Amino acid sequence: MATPLIITVKENIPDLKILYSKAPIHLRPRYKMILLIAGGQMSSTELAAKTGVSRNTISTWKRSYSEGGIEKLTSDQRGGDFKSNISDDDKKKIEQKITDPKKAFTSFIDAQAWLKQELGIDKNYHAVNKYLKRNFGAKLKVGRKSHVKKDEAAVAVFKKPTRGAKTY
């Protein structure tokens, strides 16, 4: 069995409590571990039980803290810096298509097929869905159908007068 890694906490407890309270949810167990170590708890098994993670995770966190301090322990390396492979010209074409009231997409499957056919962009349904919602505020809900060639003047005559409007 390997000897346990014993670390000394450089930060003081009140500062750690402030950092803990401001930390995102996924980083709080790391701050809690450091707080417990600063308070006198040293056993990896006890730390694992109190923070809700495994002993292996505790030893990984201890190692990262001893190598780079609180900065390395709390560095978030999830995700990445992914650039969109949709050009600005294509974005303008998509925006024109979405804002056109007569030829807009009626579904995300429609949008996916249009992207592949017109722009040569082959994306799966979920990616198209998220992209259109995130960048253009697109929704799957569609208003009730209305005839394209309807006469607006006839519609105005047919509608009931609004409240407060006097009819003579």
N, C-alpha and C. Protein backbone atom coordinates (compact mmCIF):
# COMPACT_ATOMS: atom_id res chain seq x y z
N MET A 1 0.83 -1.18 0.00
CA MET A 1 0.00 0.00 0.00
C MET A 1 0.88 1.24 0.00
N ALA A 2 0.51 2.20 -0.83
CA ALA A 2 1.30 3.43 -0.95
C ALA A 2 1.09 4.31 0.26
N THR A 3 2.10 5.11 0.54
CA THR A 3 1.96 6.04 1.66
C THR A 3 1.04 7.19 1.26
N PRO A 4 0.18 7.62 2.16
CA PRO A 4 -0.76 8.69 1.81
C PRO A 4 -0.03 10.02 1.60
N LEU A 5 -0.53 10.78 0.68
CA LEU A 5 0.04 12.09 0.37
C LEU A 5 -0.47 13.09 1.40
N ILE A 6 0.45 13.68 2.11
CA ILE A 6 0.08 14.66 3.13
C ILE A 6 0.38 16.05 2.58
N ILE A 7 -0.66 16.88 2.56
CA ILE A 7 -0.50 18.22 2.01
C ILE A 7 -0.74 19.25 3.10
N THR A 8 -0.12 20.40 2.94
CA THR A 8 -0.36 21.51 3.85
C THR A 8 -1.13 22.59 3.08
N VAL A 9 -2.18 23.05 3.68
CA VAL A 9 -3.03 24.05 3.03
C VAL A 9 -2.43 25.42 3.24
N LYS A 10 -2.24 26.15 2.14
CA LYS A 10 -1.61 27.47 2.19
C LYS A 10 -2.62 28.57 2.49
N GLU A 11 -3.88 28.38 2.10
CA GLU A 11 -4.90 29.40 2.28
C GLU A 11 -5.49 29.29 3.69
N ASN A 12 -6.02 30.43 4.19
CA ASN A 12 -6.65 30.37 5.51
C ASN A 12 -8.12 29.98 5.38
N ILE A 13 -8.69 29.51 6.48
CA ILE A 13 -10.04 28.94 6.47
C ILE A 13 -11.11 29.95 6.07
N PRO A 14 -11.11 31.20 6.58
CA PRO A 14 -12.17 32.14 6.16
C PRO A 14 -12.15 32.42 4.65
N ASP A 15 -10.97 32.54 4.07
CA ASP A 15 -10.88 32.75 2.62
C ASP A 15 -11.41 31.53 1.86
N LEU A 16 -11.09 30.33 2.36
CA LEU A 16 -11.58 29.11 1.72
C LEU A 16 -13.11 29.02 1.80
N LYS A 17 -13.69 29.45 2.92
CA LYS A 17 -15.14 29.43 3.06
C LYS A 17 -15.80 30.38 2.07
N ILE A 18 -15.19 31.53 1.85
CA ILE A 18 -15.72 32.48 0.86
C ILE A 18 -15.62 31.89 -0.54
N LEU A 19 -14.47 31.28 -0.85
CA LEU A 19 -14.30 30.64 -2.16
C LEU A 19 -15.31 29.50 -2.34
N TYR A 20 -15.54 28.75 -1.27
CA TYR A 20 -16.50 27.64 -1.33
C TYR A 20 -17.90 28.15 -1.62
N SER A 21 -18.29 29.23 -0.96
CA SER A 21 -19.65 29.74 -1.15
C SER A 21 -19.86 30.32 -2.55
N LYS A 22 -18.80 30.82 -3.18
CA LYS A 22 -18.91 31.40 -4.52
C LYS A 22 -18.63 30.40 -5.63
N ALA A 23 -18.18 29.22 -5.28
CA ALA A 23 -17.77 28.22 -6.28
C ALA A 23 -18.97 27.61 -6.97
N PRO A 24 -18.79 27.22 -8.24
CA PRO A 24 -19.85 26.48 -8.92
C PRO A 24 -20.07 25.13 -8.23
N ILE A 25 -21.24 24.58 -8.43
CA ILE A 25 -21.65 23.34 -7.75
C ILE A 25 -20.65 22.20 -7.97
N HIS A 26 -20.15 22.06 -9.21
CA HIS A 26 -19.29 20.91 -9.49
C HIS A 26 -17.90 21.04 -8.86
N LEU A 27 -17.51 22.24 -8.39
CA LEU A 27 -16.20 22.41 -7.76
C LEU A 27 -16.28 22.43 -6.24
N ARG A 28 -17.46 22.46 -5.68
CA ARG A 28 -17.59 22.58 -4.23
C ARG A 28 -16.98 21.40 -3.46
N PRO A 29 -17.09 20.16 -3.93
CA PRO A 29 -16.43 19.08 -3.16
C PRO A 29 -14.91 19.27 -3.05
N ARG A 30 -14.30 19.88 -4.03
CA ARG A 30 -12.85 20.11 -3.96
C ARG A 30 -12.52 21.12 -2.87
N TYR A 31 -13.31 22.21 -2.82
CA TYR A 31 -13.10 23.19 -1.77
C TYR A 31 -13.41 22.59 -0.40
N LYS A 32 -14.42 21.74 -0.34
CA LYS A 32 -14.78 21.10 0.92
C LYS A 32 -13.64 20.23 1.41
N MET A 33 -12.98 19.52 0.49
CA MET A 33 -11.85 18.68 0.86
C MET A 33 -10.73 19.54 1.46
N ILE A 34 -10.43 20.66 0.82
CA ILE A 34 -9.37 21.54 1.32
C ILE A 34 -9.75 22.11 2.68
N LEU A 35 -11.03 22.49 2.85
CA LEU A 35 -11.49 22.99 4.14
C LEU A 35 -11.35 21.94 5.23
N LEU A 36 -11.70 20.69 4.92
CA LEU A 36 -11.58 19.63 5.91
C LEU A 36 -10.12 19.36 6.26
N ILE A 37 -9.25 19.41 5.27
CA ILE A 37 -7.82 19.20 5.54
C ILE A 37 -7.29 20.34 6.40
N ALA A 38 -7.70 21.57 6.09
CA ALA A 38 -7.26 22.72 6.88
C ALA A 38 -7.80 22.64 8.31
N GLY A 39 -8.97 22.02 8.48
CA GLY A 39 -9.57 21.87 9.81
C GLY A 39 -9.02 20.72 10.61
N GLY A 40 -8.19 19.87 10.00
CA GLY A 40 -7.55 18.80 10.75
C GLY A 40 -7.88 17.39 10.27
N GLN A 41 -8.82 17.21 9.34
CA GLN A 41 -9.14 15.89 8.83
C GLN A 41 -8.09 15.48 7.82
N MET A 42 -7.51 14.30 7.98
CA MET A 42 -6.44 13.91 7.08
C MET A 42 -6.69 12.59 6.35
N SER A 43 -7.48 11.70 6.87
CA SER A 43 -7.68 10.39 6.26
C SER A 43 -8.44 10.52 4.94
N SER A 44 -7.92 9.87 3.92
CA SER A 44 -8.57 9.91 2.62
C SER A 44 -9.96 9.26 2.67
N THR A 45 -10.11 8.24 3.50
CA THR A 45 -11.40 7.59 3.63
C THR A 45 -12.42 8.53 4.26
N GLU A 46 -12.01 9.26 5.29
CA GLU A 46 -12.91 10.23 5.92
C GLU A 46 -13.25 11.36 4.95
N LEU A 47 -12.24 11.84 4.21
CA LEU A 47 -12.47 12.91 3.25
C LEU A 47 -13.43 12.45 2.15
N ALA A 48 -13.26 11.22 1.70
CA ALA A 48 -14.12 10.68 0.66
C ALA A 48 -15.56 10.58 1.15
N ALA A 49 -15.74 10.16 2.39
CA ALA A 49 -17.09 10.01 2.94
C ALA A 49 -17.76 11.38 3.11
N LYS A 50 -17.00 12.37 3.54
CA LYS A 50 -17.59 13.69 3.78
C LYS A 50 -17.83 14.48 2.51
N THR A 51 -17.04 14.25 1.48
CA THR A 51 -17.22 15.00 0.23
C THR A 51 -18.08 14.25 -0.77
N GLY A 52 -18.28 12.96 -0.57
CA GLY A 52 -19.14 12.20 -1.47
C GLY A 52 -18.46 11.74 -2.75
N VAL A 53 -17.14 11.58 -2.71
CA VAL A 53 -16.40 11.08 -3.87
C VAL A 53 -15.56 9.88 -3.42
N SER A 54 -14.90 9.23 -4.37
CA SER A 54 -14.12 8.06 -4.02
C SER A 54 -12.74 8.45 -3.46
N ARG A 55 -12.08 7.48 -2.83
CA ARG A 55 -10.74 7.73 -2.30
C ARG A 55 -9.75 8.03 -3.42
N ASN A 56 -9.94 7.40 -4.58
CA ASN A 56 -9.04 7.67 -5.70
C ASN A 56 -9.17 9.12 -6.17
N THR A 57 -10.38 9.63 -6.17
CA THR A 57 -10.59 11.02 -6.55
C THR A 57 -9.93 11.95 -5.54
N ILE A 58 -10.04 11.63 -4.27
CA ILE A 58 -9.41 12.44 -3.22
C ILE A 58 -7.90 12.48 -3.43
N SER A 59 -7.29 11.33 -3.75
CA SER A 59 -5.84 11.32 -3.95
C SER A 59 -5.45 12.09 -5.21
N THR A 60 -6.29 12.05 -6.25
CA THR A 60 -6.03 12.84 -7.46
C THR A 60 -6.09 14.32 -7.14
N TRP A 61 -7.11 14.73 -6.38
CA TRP A 61 -7.25 16.14 -6.00
C TRP A 61 -6.09 16.58 -5.11
N LYS A 62 -5.68 15.73 -4.19
CA LYS A 62 -4.53 16.08 -3.33
C LYS A 62 -3.27 16.29 -4.18
N ARG A 63 -3.07 15.40 -5.14
CA ARG A 63 -1.90 15.51 -6.01
C ARG A 63 -1.93 16.80 -6.81
N SER A 64 -3.10 17.14 -7.37
CA SER A 64 -3.18 18.37 -8.16
C SER A 64 -3.01 19.60 -7.27
N TYR A 65 -3.49 19.55 -6.02
CA TYR A 65 -3.30 20.68 -5.11
C TYR A 65 -1.83 20.83 -4.74
N SER A 66 -1.15 19.71 -4.51
CA SER A 66 0.26 19.80 -4.14
C SER A 66 1.12 20.27 -5.31
N GLU A 67 0.70 20.00 -6.55
CA GLU A 67 1.46 20.43 -7.72
C GLU A 67 1.23 21.89 -8.08
N GLY A 68 -0.02 22.36 -7.96
CA GLY A 68 -0.29 23.71 -8.44
C GLY A 68 -1.15 24.57 -7.56
N GLY A 69 -1.44 24.11 -6.35
CA GLY A 69 -2.23 24.91 -5.43
C GLY A 69 -3.71 24.92 -5.79
N ILE A 70 -4.40 25.90 -5.25
CA ILE A 70 -5.85 25.98 -5.42
C ILE A 70 -6.22 26.25 -6.88
N GLU A 71 -5.35 26.93 -7.62
CA GLU A 71 -5.63 27.22 -9.03
C GLU A 71 -5.71 25.94 -9.85
N LYS A 72 -4.76 25.04 -9.65
CA LYS A 72 -4.77 23.80 -10.40
C LYS A 72 -5.89 22.87 -9.94
N LEU A 73 -6.17 22.90 -8.64
CA LEU A 73 -7.23 22.05 -8.11
C LEU A 73 -8.59 22.43 -8.69
N THR A 74 -8.81 23.72 -8.84
CA THR A 74 -10.13 24.18 -9.27
C THR A 74 -10.18 24.57 -10.74
N SER A 75 -9.15 24.26 -11.50
CA SER A 75 -9.20 24.58 -12.93
C SER A 75 -10.21 23.66 -13.59
N ASP A 76 -11.07 24.26 -14.40
CA ASP A 76 -12.13 23.51 -15.05
C ASP A 76 -11.69 23.18 -16.46
N GLN A 77 -11.51 21.91 -16.74
CA GLN A 77 -11.02 21.51 -18.05
C GLN A 77 -12.08 20.77 -18.84
N ARG A 78 -13.34 21.03 -18.51
CA ARG A 78 -14.41 20.39 -19.26
C ARG A 78 -14.65 21.17 -20.55
N GLY A 79 -15.20 20.51 -21.53
CA GLY A 79 -15.56 21.18 -22.78
C GLY A 79 -14.34 21.54 -23.59
N GLY A 80 -14.53 22.44 -24.51
CA GLY A 80 -13.43 22.86 -25.35
C GLY A 80 -13.76 24.14 -26.06
N ASP A 81 -12.87 24.59 -26.88
CA ASP A 81 -13.05 25.82 -27.62
C ASP A 81 -13.38 25.45 -29.05
N PHE A 82 -14.60 24.99 -29.25
CA PHE A 82 -15.00 24.53 -30.57
C PHE A 82 -15.49 25.69 -31.41
N LYS A 83 -14.97 25.82 -32.59
CA LYS A 83 -15.40 26.85 -33.52
C LYS A 83 -16.49 26.27 -34.41
N SER A 84 -17.43 27.12 -34.77
CA SER A 84 -18.51 26.69 -35.65
C SER A 84 -17.96 26.50 -37.06
N ASN A 85 -18.40 25.44 -37.71
CA ASN A 85 -17.96 25.23 -39.09
C ASN A 85 -18.98 25.79 -40.07
N ILE A 86 -19.85 26.66 -39.59
CA ILE A 86 -20.82 27.34 -40.45
C ILE A 86 -20.31 28.76 -40.67
N SER A 87 -20.12 29.11 -41.94
CA SER A 87 -19.56 30.41 -42.26
C SER A 87 -20.58 31.52 -42.03
N ASP A 88 -20.10 32.77 -42.05
CA ASP A 88 -20.98 33.91 -41.85
C ASP A 88 -22.01 34.03 -42.96
N ASP A 89 -21.61 33.72 -44.20
CA ASP A 89 -22.56 33.77 -45.32
C ASP A 89 -23.67 32.74 -45.12
N ASP A 90 -23.29 31.54 -44.67
CA ASP A 90 -24.29 30.50 -44.43
C ASP A 90 -25.22 30.91 -43.29
N LYS A 91 -24.68 31.57 -42.26
CA LYS A 91 -25.51 32.03 -41.16
C LYS A 91 -26.55 33.04 -41.65
N LYS A 92 -26.15 33.91 -42.55
CA LYS A 92 -27.09 34.90 -43.11
C LYS A 92 -28.19 34.21 -43.91
N LYS A 93 -27.81 33.18 -44.68
CA LYS A 93 -28.81 32.43 -45.45
C LYS A 93 -29.79 31.72 -44.52
N ILE A 94 -29.28 31.16 -43.45
CA ILE A 94 -30.14 30.47 -42.48
C ILE A 94 -31.09 31.47 -41.83
N GLU A 95 -30.56 32.64 -41.46
CA GLU A 95 -31.40 33.66 -40.83
C GLU A 95 -32.49 34.14 -41.78
N GLN A 96 -32.14 34.33 -43.06
CA GLN A 96 -33.15 34.72 -44.04
C GLN A 96 -34.24 33.66 -44.16
N LYS A 97 -33.83 32.42 -44.17
CA LYS A 97 -34.79 31.32 -44.29
C LYS A 97 -35.70 31.25 -43.06
N ILE A 98 -35.14 31.44 -41.88
CA ILE A 98 -35.93 31.36 -40.66
C ILE A 98 -36.91 32.53 -40.53
N THR A 99 -36.49 33.71 -40.95
CA THR A 99 -37.34 34.89 -40.78
C THR A 99 -38.36 35.06 -41.90
N ASP A 100 -38.25 34.31 -42.97
CA ASP A 100 -39.21 34.38 -44.06
C ASP A 100 -40.53 33.75 -43.60
N PRO A 101 -41.62 34.54 -43.54
CA PRO A 101 -42.86 33.98 -42.99
C PRO A 101 -43.52 32.92 -43.88
N LYS A 102 -43.22 32.92 -45.16
CA LYS A 102 -43.91 31.99 -46.06
C LYS A 102 -43.10 30.73 -46.37
N LYS A 103 -41.78 30.81 -46.24
CA LYS A 103 -40.94 29.67 -46.61
C LYS A 103 -40.08 29.17 -45.45
N ALA A 104 -40.43 29.52 -44.23
CA ALA A 104 -39.64 29.11 -43.08
C ALA A 104 -39.76 27.62 -42.82
N PHE A 105 -38.87 27.11 -41.99
CA PHE A 105 -38.90 25.70 -41.62
C PHE A 105 -40.13 25.42 -40.77
N THR A 106 -40.73 24.27 -40.97
CA THR A 106 -41.84 23.86 -40.11
C THR A 106 -41.39 22.86 -39.06
N SER A 107 -40.18 22.33 -39.23
CA SER A 107 -39.65 21.40 -38.23
C SER A 107 -38.13 21.42 -38.32
N PHE A 108 -37.50 20.86 -37.31
CA PHE A 108 -36.04 20.80 -37.33
C PHE A 108 -35.54 19.74 -38.31
N ILE A 109 -36.37 18.77 -38.62
CA ILE A 109 -36.02 17.79 -39.65
C ILE A 109 -35.98 18.49 -41.00
N ASP A 110 -36.95 19.39 -41.22
CA ASP A 110 -36.98 20.23 -42.42
C ASP A 110 -35.69 21.05 -42.51
N ALA A 111 -35.32 21.65 -41.40
CA ALA A 111 -34.11 22.48 -41.35
C ALA A 111 -32.87 21.65 -41.63
N GLN A 112 -32.83 20.45 -41.06
CA GLN A 112 -31.68 19.56 -41.27
C GLN A 112 -31.55 19.20 -42.75
N ALA A 113 -32.67 18.87 -43.38
CA ALA A 113 -32.65 18.52 -44.80
C ALA A 113 -32.26 19.72 -45.66
N TRP A 114 -32.76 20.91 -45.31
CA TRP A 114 -32.43 22.12 -46.07
C TRP A 114 -30.94 22.45 -45.94
N LEU A 115 -30.39 22.31 -44.75
CA LEU A 115 -28.96 22.58 -44.55
C LEU A 115 -28.11 21.64 -45.40
N LYS A 116 -28.50 20.39 -45.47
CA LYS A 116 -27.73 19.42 -46.25
C LYS A 116 -27.87 19.68 -47.75
N GLN A 117 -29.09 19.99 -48.18
CA GLN A 117 -29.34 20.16 -49.61
C GLN A 117 -28.80 21.49 -50.14
N GLU A 118 -29.09 22.57 -49.44
CA GLU A 118 -28.74 23.90 -49.94
C GLU A 118 -27.30 24.32 -49.61
N LEU A 119 -26.86 24.04 -48.39
CA LEU A 119 -25.55 24.52 -47.94
C LEU A 119 -24.50 23.43 -47.85
N GLY A 120 -24.89 22.18 -47.98
CA GLY A 120 -23.93 21.08 -47.90
C GLY A 120 -23.44 20.82 -46.49
N ILE A 121 -24.22 21.23 -45.49
CA ILE A 121 -23.84 21.04 -44.09
C ILE A 121 -24.60 19.82 -43.57
N ASP A 122 -23.86 18.78 -43.23
CA ASP A 122 -24.48 17.54 -42.76
C ASP A 122 -24.33 17.46 -41.24
N LYS A 123 -25.40 17.82 -40.53
CA LYS A 123 -25.40 17.78 -39.07
C LYS A 123 -26.52 16.86 -38.61
N ASN A 124 -26.34 16.27 -37.42
CA ASN A 124 -27.41 15.43 -36.90
C ASN A 124 -28.53 16.31 -36.34
N TYR A 125 -29.66 15.69 -36.08
CA TYR A 125 -30.86 16.42 -35.67
C TYR A 125 -30.62 17.25 -34.42
N HIS A 126 -30.00 16.66 -33.41
CA HIS A 126 -29.79 17.35 -32.14
C HIS A 126 -28.90 18.58 -32.33
N ALA A 127 -27.88 18.48 -33.14
CA ALA A 127 -26.98 19.62 -33.38
C ALA A 127 -27.72 20.75 -34.09
N VAL A 128 -28.55 20.41 -35.08
CA VAL A 128 -29.32 21.43 -35.80
C VAL A 128 -30.31 22.08 -34.84
N ASN A 129 -30.98 21.28 -34.05
CA ASN A 129 -31.95 21.77 -33.08
C ASN A 129 -31.29 22.78 -32.14
N LYS A 130 -30.20 22.40 -31.49
CA LYS A 130 -29.52 23.28 -30.54
C LYS A 130 -28.96 24.52 -31.22
N TYR A 131 -28.40 24.37 -32.41
CA TYR A 131 -27.82 25.51 -33.12
C TYR A 131 -28.89 26.55 -33.44
N LEU A 132 -30.02 26.11 -33.97
CA LEU A 132 -31.08 27.04 -34.35
C LEU A 132 -31.72 27.69 -33.13
N LYS A 133 -31.87 26.95 -32.05
CA LYS A 133 -32.43 27.52 -30.83
C LYS A 133 -31.47 28.53 -30.21
N ARG A 134 -30.19 28.19 -30.16
CA ARG A 134 -29.20 29.03 -29.50
C ARG A 134 -28.93 30.30 -30.28
N ASN A 135 -28.79 30.20 -31.59
CA ASN A 135 -28.38 31.36 -32.38
C ASN A 135 -29.52 32.19 -32.95
N PHE A 136 -30.67 31.57 -33.16
CA PHE A 136 -31.76 32.30 -33.82
C PHE A 136 -33.04 32.30 -33.00
N GLY A 137 -33.06 31.66 -31.85
CA GLY A 137 -34.26 31.62 -31.03
C GLY A 137 -35.39 30.84 -31.66
N ALA A 138 -35.07 29.89 -32.52
CA ALA A 138 -36.08 29.11 -33.22
C ALA A 138 -36.85 28.23 -32.25
N LYS A 139 -38.14 28.08 -32.51
CA LYS A 139 -38.98 27.22 -31.70
C LYS A 139 -39.72 26.26 -32.61
N LEU A 140 -40.06 25.13 -32.08
CA LEU A 140 -40.78 24.13 -32.85
C LEU A 140 -42.24 24.49 -33.02
N LYS A 141 -42.73 25.35 -32.14
CA LYS A 141 -44.14 25.73 -32.21
C LYS A 141 -44.37 26.58 -33.44
N VAL A 142 -45.43 26.28 -34.13
CA VAL A 142 -45.77 26.99 -35.35
C VAL A 142 -47.18 27.54 -35.19
N GLY A 143 -47.39 28.76 -35.64
CA GLY A 143 -48.71 29.36 -35.56
C GLY A 143 -49.70 28.62 -36.43
N ARG A 144 -50.96 28.88 -36.17
CA ARG A 144 -52.01 28.25 -36.96
C ARG A 144 -51.88 28.66 -38.41
N LYS A 145 -52.11 27.73 -39.31
CA LYS A 145 -51.91 27.98 -40.73
C LYS A 145 -52.88 29.03 -41.24
N SER A 146 -52.41 29.82 -42.13
CA SER A 146 -53.22 30.85 -42.76
C SER A 146 -52.94 30.79 -44.25
N HIS A 147 -53.96 30.97 -45.05
CA HIS A 147 -53.78 30.86 -46.49
C HIS A 147 -52.85 31.95 -47.00
N VAL A 148 -51.99 31.58 -47.91
CA VAL A 148 -50.98 32.50 -48.43
C VAL A 148 -51.63 33.63 -49.23
N LYS A 149 -52.69 33.32 -49.96
CA LYS A 149 -53.30 34.30 -50.85
C LYS A 149 -54.54 34.97 -50.27
N LYS A 150 -54.67 34.97 -48.95
CA LYS A 150 -55.88 35.54 -48.37
C LYS A 150 -55.92 37.06 -48.56
N ASP A 151 -57.11 37.58 -48.61
CA ASP A 151 -57.32 39.02 -48.83
C ASP A 151 -57.37 39.70 -47.46
N GLU A 152 -56.41 40.57 -47.18
CA GLU A 152 -56.31 41.23 -45.88
C GLU A 152 -57.51 42.15 -45.65
N ALA A 153 -58.02 42.76 -46.71
CA ALA A 153 -59.16 43.66 -46.56
C ALA A 153 -60.40 42.88 -46.13
N ALA A 154 -60.60 41.71 -46.67
CA ALA A 154 -61.73 40.87 -46.29
C ALA A 154 -61.61 40.42 -44.85
N VAL A 155 -60.39 40.18 -44.38
CA VAL A 155 -60.16 39.78 -43.00
C VAL A 155 -60.55 40.92 -42.07
N ALA A 156 -60.18 42.15 -42.42
CA ALA A 156 -60.48 43.30 -41.59
C ALA A 156 -61.99 43.51 -41.48
N VAL A 157 -62.73 43.30 -42.55
CA VAL A 157 -64.19 43.45 -42.53
C VAL A 157 -64.82 42.36 -41.67
N PHE A 158 -64.27 41.17 -41.72
CA PHE A 158 -64.83 40.02 -41.01
C PHE A 158 -64.63 40.12 -39.51
N LYS A 159 -63.53 40.72 -39.07
CA LYS A 159 -63.21 40.77 -37.65
C LYS A 159 -64.20 41.61 -36.88
N LYS A 160 -64.39 41.26 -35.61
CA LYS A 160 -65.27 42.02 -34.73
C LYS A 160 -64.58 43.33 -34.37
N PRO A 161 -65.34 44.38 -34.13
CA PRO A 161 -64.71 45.64 -33.70
C PRO A 161 -64.12 45.47 -32.30
N THR A 162 -63.05 46.18 -32.03
CA THR A 162 -62.39 46.10 -30.73
C THR A 162 -63.22 46.84 -29.70
N ARG A 163 -63.00 46.54 -28.45
CA ARG A 163 -63.74 47.20 -27.36
C ARG A 163 -63.42 48.68 -27.36
N GLY A 164 -64.41 49.44 -27.10
CA GLY A 164 -64.23 50.88 -27.04
C GLY A 164 -64.41 51.54 -28.37
N ALA A 165 -64.39 50.77 -29.43
CA ALA A 165 -64.58 51.36 -30.76
C ALA A 165 -66.06 51.57 -30.98
N LYS A 166 -66.41 52.74 -31.40
CA LYS A 166 -67.82 53.07 -31.62
C LYS A 166 -68.23 52.71 -33.02
N THR A 167 -69.36 52.06 -33.12
CA THR A 167 -69.90 51.72 -34.44
C THR A 167 -71.19 52.51 -34.63
N TYR A 168 -71.32 53.22 -35.71
CA TYR A 168 -72.52 54.03 -35.98
C TYR A 168 -73.26 53.50 -37.16
